């Protein structure tokens, strides 16, 4: 039974394959000078003789049709949002949490580096929040640098000043 069903399926497939090859194709040039192909004959059409069942068309370079928008370089801005410029931090332990803001949101591979009083606080990292410990009393400056994946400086924040107030140890 399975053999008969398989044989019947193969015969039907072969008959459809042979039928598709019997179609005739006609070509003509329309009033606009465009070469037209169709399976319906028109007055003045010529029959196209195919030598195989597969029809291959030459490839045409369509790259001129692709509109490519130039990629605009993003302009990143980085700023220190906490502590605010000219802010006073009252913390007897000397701890300060520095938060920076980057716009637009920076991409993977970008790194941020904090400078405290003009000196590098730590190596560039992928976090925008830094914890400073045992900050001495007095005036301090903060600045943040944003680096791209190649290590080039993309943006530098304006210098922000804060004042640390701690209880006297006397």
Foldseek 3Di string as FASTA:
>chain_A
DVVVVVVVVVVVVVVVLVVLVPQWKWWDQDPVRDIDIDSDDDVPIDIDDDPDPDDDDDDDDPVVVDDDDDDDDDQKEKAWDPPAFAAEDEDQFQKGKIAMDMPPPDDPQKWKWKDKQNHTPDDTHDHRIDIDGPHDFFKMKMKMFIAHNVGDTRYIYDIGMYGYDHDDPD
